[in-house]
Amino acid sequence: MPRPDLNLLLALDALLDEGSVIGAARRMHLSAPAMSRTLSRIREALGDPVFIQVGRKLIPTPKALAMREQVRLAVAQASQVFASDAETDLKSLDRRFNVRATDEFVSIHLGHLLDAMAREMPRAMLRFSPEEDDVDEEALRSGRIDLFISASRKLGPEIRVQSLFTTAFVGVARTNHPIFDEEITLERLTRWEHINVSRRGKTTGPLDAALEAQGLRQHVALVVSNPYTALFALQDSDLLLPLPRHLASTALSAGLGIRLFDLPTPLETVLLTQAWHPRLDSDPAHQWLRKTIHMLCNENQAQAAKRAKP
């Protein structure tokens, strides 16, 4: 069996990422005709068209889509082998990070993280992957995601986990909501319909256990996959929404017509963590990403604690 040409792997990675021959040629420092010839060799090696021309765009075949993450991971691991004995120049590094993160992290820290990347790793790209019906540690093991930022949860024994910050829930309603006319009690919370935010469509939220302990139930009238849809749904309705305080405060600062209130019973404080597979422990680019995220979260926590002091 002939030995595979690993240059084809690099070219396939560029084609899958760029979605065009011209873009891949630019990345590989080749002419467009040379990249077209390389694509022909890839098709022959795989026994698959890999891409179908639709107008001016290349549409990947099902086989190409299935191997996308495997190809990306193989290229990343090969790059680590050749860079292991040399200092990595982050400023010239082409790198893509697949990250699965909570909306809270994105709303608070994404802008600062992008600023840091523009300064220190300007050719890198973040790709935020949606939460799916898969097992999070399996997504880390397979390389479908490089970093997982979420509320603390049990992951596989080999998965590396680092604490980032804690947050608590508050209530959110439109500015002139009638709930503000009187003292807010658990019983009064049940008089109005609620929104539940769940990427996986769950109908129960953080308030349910506290209400049930008092023999009360909330009526969830709307379930949405992200908090931004929920916040806009509040503007012209009497719906109520429990949200992490950091996220709710960010929305308030953005000028939305909302008002925050302390819940009549405190909910459990939530710890957010970042998790990754140990094969990325020594990867300089991934180390930089983890370190920068940890630093941004610590700085934010310190500033919040300072503001909370009388």
Protein backbone atom coordinates (compact mmCIF):
# COMPACT_ATOMS: atom_id res chain seq x y z
CA MET A 1 0.00 0.00 0.00
CA PRO A 2 1.53 3.37 -1.00
CA ARG A 3 2.32 5.84 1.76
CA PRO A 4 -0.19 8.70 1.93
CA ASP A 5 0.87 12.19 0.90
CA LEU A 6 0.39 14.22 4.09
CA ASN A 7 0.39 17.42 2.05
CA LEU A 8 -3.04 16.33 0.88
CA LEU A 9 -4.21 16.32 4.49
CA LEU A 10 -3.09 19.93 4.93
CA ALA A 11 -4.78 20.92 1.70
CA LEU A 12 -8.00 19.13 2.65
CA ASP A 13 -8.03 20.92 6.01
CA ALA A 14 -7.66 24.27 4.23
CA LEU A 15 -10.41 23.43 1.73
CA LEU A 16 -12.83 22.30 4.43
CA ASP A 17 -12.20 25.42 6.45
CA GLU A 18 -12.20 27.97 3.63
CA GLY A 19 -14.93 26.43 1.52
CA SER A 20 -13.27 27.60 -1.70
CA VAL A 21 -10.31 26.74 -3.88
CA ILE A 22 -9.13 30.34 -3.96
CA GLY A 23 -9.24 30.73 -0.17
CA ALA A 24 -7.45 27.42 0.37
CA ALA A 25 -4.84 28.32 -2.25
CA ARG A 26 -4.15 31.61 -0.49
CA ARG A 27 -3.68 29.82 2.84
CA MET A 28 -1.40 27.18 1.29
CA HIS A 29 0.55 29.80 -0.71
CA LEU A 30 -0.39 28.08 -3.96
CA SER A 31 -1.97 29.26 -7.20
CA ALA A 32 -5.65 28.50 -7.75
CA PRO A 33 -4.88 26.03 -10.60
CA ALA A 34 -2.37 24.21 -8.36
CA MET A 35 -4.99 23.91 -5.60
CA SER A 36 -7.53 22.63 -8.13
CA ARG A 37 -5.07 19.91 -9.14
CA THR A 38 -4.55 19.08 -5.45
CA LEU A 39 -8.31 18.78 -4.98
CA SER A 40 -8.39 16.31 -7.87
CA ARG A 41 -5.72 14.22 -6.12
CA ILE A 42 -7.70 14.35 -2.84
CA ARG A 43 -10.82 13.14 -4.66
CA GLU A 44 -8.88 10.28 -6.18
CA ALA A 45 -7.31 9.31 -2.84
CA LEU A 46 -10.64 9.34 -0.97
CA GLY A 47 -12.83 7.95 -3.74
CA ASP A 48 -15.28 10.78 -3.10
CA PRO A 49 -16.00 14.12 -4.82
CA VAL A 50 -15.36 15.84 -1.44
CA PHE A 51 -16.94 19.05 -2.76
CA ILE A 52 -19.74 19.76 -5.22
CA GLN A 53 -19.73 23.03 -7.17
CA VAL A 54 -22.94 25.00 -6.58
CA GLY A 55 -22.70 28.36 -8.32
CA ARG A 56 -19.45 29.87 -7.10
CA LYS A 57 -19.44 27.89 -3.87
CA LEU A 58 -18.07 24.49 -2.97
CA ILE A 59 -20.53 22.42 -0.95
CA PRO A 60 -18.91 19.57 1.06
CA THR A 61 -20.24 16.08 0.57
CA PRO A 62 -21.54 14.06 3.55
CA LYS A 63 -18.21 12.20 3.70
CA ALA A 64 -16.30 15.49 3.81
CA LEU A 65 -18.51 16.81 6.60
CA ALA A 66 -18.06 13.59 8.58
CA MET A 67 -14.28 13.81 8.42
CA ARG A 68 -13.97 17.58 9.00
CA GLU A 69 -13.08 17.41 12.72
CA GLN A 70 -10.90 14.32 12.27
CA VAL A 71 -8.85 16.15 9.63
CA ARG A 72 -8.59 19.31 11.74
CA LEU A 73 -7.46 17.32 14.79
CA ALA A 74 -4.89 15.36 12.77
CA VAL A 75 -3.36 18.56 11.38
CA ALA A 76 -3.26 20.14 14.84
CA GLN A 77 -1.55 17.10 16.36
CA ALA A 78 0.98 16.92 13.52
CA SER A 79 1.77 20.62 14.00
CA GLN A 80 2.47 19.99 17.68
CA VAL A 81 5.00 17.25 16.77
CA PHE A 82 7.07 19.57 14.60
CA ALA A 83 6.74 22.54 16.95
CA SER A 84 7.58 20.64 20.15
CA ASP A 85 11.25 21.65 20.23
CA ALA A 86 10.81 25.20 18.97
CA GLU A 87 9.23 28.21 20.57
CA THR A 88 5.83 28.85 19.04
CA ASP A 89 5.30 32.26 17.48
CA LEU A 90 1.68 32.95 18.43
CA LYS A 91 1.51 36.07 16.26
CA SER A 92 2.07 34.08 13.09
CA LEU A 93 0.08 31.00 14.11
CA ASP A 94 -2.97 30.01 12.06
CA ARG A 95 -5.21 28.30 14.59
CA ARG A 96 -8.91 27.61 14.98
CA PHE A 97 -10.45 26.90 18.36
CA ASN A 98 -13.82 25.18 18.61
CA VAL A 99 -15.33 26.37 21.88
CA ARG A 100 -18.61 25.44 23.54
CA ALA A 101 -19.47 28.12 26.09
CA THR A 102 -22.36 29.47 28.13
CA ASP A 103 -24.06 32.67 27.01
CA GLU A 104 -22.99 34.23 30.28
CA PHE A 105 -19.31 33.83 29.47
CA VAL A 106 -19.85 35.11 25.92
CA SER A 107 -21.77 38.21 27.02
CA ILE A 108 -19.24 39.21 29.68
CA HIS A 109 -15.85 38.15 28.37
CA LEU A 110 -15.94 37.59 24.62
CA GLY A 111 -15.11 41.18 23.67
CA HIS A 112 -12.08 41.27 25.98
CA LEU A 113 -10.94 37.85 24.77
CA LEU A 114 -11.11 38.97 21.14
CA ASP A 115 -9.09 42.09 22.00
CA ALA A 116 -6.39 39.92 23.58
CA MET A 117 -6.37 37.59 20.57
CA ALA A 118 -6.03 40.53 18.17
CA ARG A 119 -2.91 41.63 20.07
CA GLU A 120 -1.24 38.31 20.79
CA MET A 121 -2.62 35.69 18.36
CA PRO A 122 -4.08 37.78 15.50
CA ARG A 123 -4.37 34.96 12.96
CA ALA A 124 -6.35 32.69 15.28
CA MET A 125 -10.11 32.22 15.03
CA LEU A 126 -12.76 31.26 17.58
CA ARG A 127 -15.60 29.08 16.40
CA PHE A 128 -18.39 28.76 18.95
CA SER A 129 -20.07 25.38 18.61
CA PRO A 130 -23.71 24.95 19.63
CA GLU A 131 -24.66 22.68 22.49
CA GLU A 132 -25.92 19.43 21.04
CA ASP A 133 -27.42 16.21 22.30
CA ASP A 134 -24.01 14.67 22.78
CA VAL A 135 -21.89 13.93 25.82
CA ASP A 136 -19.64 16.88 26.56
CA GLU A 137 -16.57 14.86 27.50
CA GLU A 138 -16.97 12.79 24.33
CA ALA A 139 -16.92 16.01 22.30
CA LEU A 140 -13.67 16.92 24.06
CA ARG A 141 -12.17 13.46 23.55
CA SER A 142 -13.04 13.36 19.85
CA GLY A 143 -11.73 16.86 19.20
CA ARG A 144 -15.11 18.24 18.08
CA ILE A 145 -14.54 20.94 20.68
CA ASP A 146 -11.25 22.20 22.12
CA LEU A 147 -12.63 23.94 25.20
CA PHE A 148 -15.85 23.59 27.17
CA ILE A 149 -16.99 26.50 29.37
CA SER A 150 -20.07 25.75 31.44
CA ALA A 151 -21.60 25.43 34.86
CA SER A 152 -19.59 22.91 36.83
CA ARG A 153 -20.63 19.34 36.06
CA LYS A 154 -19.23 15.84 36.33
CA LEU A 155 -16.97 15.01 33.39
CA GLY A 156 -14.73 12.07 32.55
CA PRO A 157 -11.88 11.32 35.00
CA GLU A 158 -9.16 12.33 32.54
CA ILE A 159 -10.73 15.67 31.56
CA ARG A 160 -8.88 18.71 32.93
CA VAL A 161 -11.12 21.21 34.73
CA GLN A 162 -10.33 24.71 36.03
CA SER A 163 -12.65 27.00 38.00
CA LEU A 164 -13.39 30.39 36.44
CA PHE A 165 -16.00 32.33 38.43
CA THR A 166 -19.22 32.03 40.41
CA THR A 167 -22.56 33.67 39.88
CA ALA A 168 -26.04 33.71 41.38
CA PHE A 169 -29.51 34.06 39.88
CA VAL A 170 -31.70 37.19 39.92
CA GLY A 171 -35.16 37.91 38.56
CA VAL A 172 -35.68 40.02 35.45
CA ALA A 173 -38.83 41.77 34.27
CA ARG A 174 -39.75 44.73 32.07
CA THR A 175 -39.16 48.10 33.70
CA ASN A 176 -42.83 48.85 34.57
CA HIS A 177 -43.88 45.33 35.46
CA PRO A 178 -46.62 45.21 38.15
CA ILE A 179 -44.54 42.82 40.24
CA PHE A 180 -42.62 45.89 41.44
CA ASP A 181 -45.78 47.44 42.93
CA GLU A 182 -45.53 45.35 46.10
CA GLU A 183 -43.05 43.23 48.01
CA ILE A 184 -41.87 40.36 45.83
CA THR A 185 -42.70 37.01 47.44
CA LEU A 186 -42.60 33.46 46.14
CA GLU A 187 -46.38 33.44 45.95
CA ARG A 188 -46.40 36.62 43.85
CA LEU A 189 -43.80 35.12 41.50
CA THR A 190 -46.34 32.46 40.50
CA ARG A 191 -48.99 35.03 39.47
CA TRP A 192 -47.21 35.71 36.19
CA GLU A 193 -45.97 33.39 33.50
CA HIS A 194 -42.26 32.62 33.24
CA ILE A 195 -39.62 32.11 30.56
CA ASN A 196 -37.18 29.24 30.79
CA VAL A 197 -33.85 29.38 28.99
CA SER A 198 -32.57 25.97 27.94
CA ARG A 199 -30.46 25.05 24.95
CA ARG A 200 -31.89 21.55 25.19
CA GLY A 201 -35.52 22.60 25.57
CA LYS A 202 -36.00 21.81 29.25
CA THR A 203 -39.22 23.14 30.78
CA THR A 204 -37.97 23.27 34.36
CA GLY A 205 -35.69 25.99 35.68
CA PRO A 206 -33.74 27.01 38.77
CA LEU A 207 -36.85 28.27 40.60
CA ASP A 208 -38.86 25.06 40.48
CA ALA A 209 -37.33 23.34 43.51
CA ALA A 210 -37.69 26.44 45.70
CA LEU A 211 -41.33 26.89 44.69
CA GLU A 212 -42.19 23.23 45.14
CA ALA A 213 -40.77 23.32 48.67
CA GLN A 214 -43.47 25.89 49.45
CA GLY A 215 -46.20 23.96 47.64
CA LEU A 216 -46.12 26.38 44.70
CA ARG A 217 -45.63 25.96 40.96
CA GLN A 218 -44.67 28.34 38.21
CA HIS A 219 -46.22 28.29 34.77
CA VAL A 220 -43.54 28.31 32.09
CA ALA A 221 -45.19 29.85 29.05
CA LEU A 222 -42.11 30.14 26.87
CA VAL A 223 -38.97 28.04 26.44
CA VAL A 224 -36.14 29.53 24.37
CA SER A 225 -32.65 28.34 23.55
CA ASN A 226 -30.75 31.50 24.49
CA PRO A 227 -31.16 34.38 26.97
CA TYR A 228 -31.14 37.10 24.32
CA THR A 229 -34.44 35.90 22.85
CA ALA A 230 -35.83 35.74 26.38
CA LEU A 231 -34.72 39.29 27.22
CA PHE A 232 -36.40 40.74 24.14
CA ALA A 233 -39.56 38.75 24.89
CA LEU A 234 -39.79 40.62 28.21
CA GLN A 235 -40.05 44.04 26.60
CA ASP A 236 -43.76 43.93 25.75
CA SER A 237 -45.03 41.25 28.11
CA ASP A 238 -45.55 40.47 31.79
CA LEU A 239 -43.30 37.41 31.62
CA LEU A 240 -40.66 36.87 34.31
CA LEU A 241 -37.19 35.52 33.76
CA PRO A 242 -34.54 34.14 36.16
CA LEU A 243 -31.03 34.79 34.85
CA PRO A 244 -27.46 34.66 36.19
CA ARG A 245 -26.67 38.05 37.73
CA HIS A 246 -23.64 38.74 35.50
CA LEU A 247 -25.66 38.17 32.35
CA ALA A 248 -28.67 40.16 33.55
CA SER A 249 -26.45 43.09 34.58
CA THR A 250 -24.80 43.09 31.15
CA ALA A 251 -28.22 43.28 29.48
CA LEU A 252 -29.23 46.14 31.78
CA SER A 253 -26.03 48.04 30.95
CA ALA A 254 -26.78 47.56 27.24
CA GLY A 255 -29.91 49.71 27.65
CA LEU A 256 -32.69 47.11 27.50
CA GLY A 257 -35.92 48.18 29.17
CA ILE A 258 -35.62 45.73 32.03
CA ARG A 259 -35.33 45.80 35.79
CA LEU A 260 -33.58 43.30 38.03
CA PHE A 261 -34.83 42.08 41.39
CA ASP A 262 -33.52 39.80 44.11
CA LEU A 263 -35.39 36.53 44.25
CA PRO A 264 -37.32 35.99 47.51
CA THR A 265 -35.37 32.80 48.07
CA PRO A 266 -31.69 32.61 47.15
CA LEU A 267 -30.86 29.96 44.58
CA GLU A 268 -27.70 27.89 44.61
CA THR A 269 -24.57 29.74 43.52
CA VAL A 270 -23.31 28.46 40.18
CA LEU A 271 -19.61 27.77 39.55
CA LEU A 272 -18.45 28.13 35.96
CA THR A 273 -15.45 26.12 34.79
CA GLN A 274 -13.40 25.53 31.67
CA ALA A 275 -12.56 21.96 30.64
CA TRP A 276 -10.27 20.43 28.03
CA HIS A 277 -8.73 17.11 27.04
CA PRO A 278 -5.22 16.41 28.40
CA ARG A 279 -3.77 15.99 24.90
CA LEU A 280 -3.94 19.80 24.71
CA ASP A 281 -2.10 20.39 28.00
CA SER A 282 1.20 21.25 26.34
CA ASP A 283 -0.15 22.97 23.25
CA PRO A 284 1.17 26.58 23.48
CA ALA A 285 -1.80 28.14 21.70
CA HIS A 286 -4.32 26.28 23.85
CA GLN A 287 -2.31 27.15 26.96
CA TRP A 288 -2.53 30.82 25.99
CA LEU A 289 -6.30 30.57 25.45
CA ARG A 290 -6.90 28.91 28.84
CA LYS A 291 -4.60 31.31 30.68
CA THR A 292 -6.19 34.37 29.08
CA ILE A 293 -9.73 33.22 29.83
CA HIS A 294 -8.80 32.44 33.44
CA MET A 295 -7.16 35.87 33.83
CA LEU A 296 -10.18 37.71 32.37
CA CYS A 297 -12.57 35.88 34.70
CA ASN A 298 -10.41 36.58 37.76
CA GLU A 299 -10.17 40.26 36.89
CA ASN A 300 -13.94 40.48 36.48
CA GLN A 301 -14.55 38.76 39.82
CA ALA A 302 -12.11 41.09 41.56
CA GLN A 303 -13.81 44.17 40.07
CA ALA A 304 -17.25 42.87 41.07
CA ALA A 305 -16.07 42.24 44.65
CA LYS A 306 -14.61 45.73 44.81
CA ARG A 307 -17.89 47.31 43.63
CA ALA A 308 -19.82 45.28 46.22
CA LYS A 309 -17.83 46.73 49.14
CA PRO A 310 -19.63 49.54 51.03
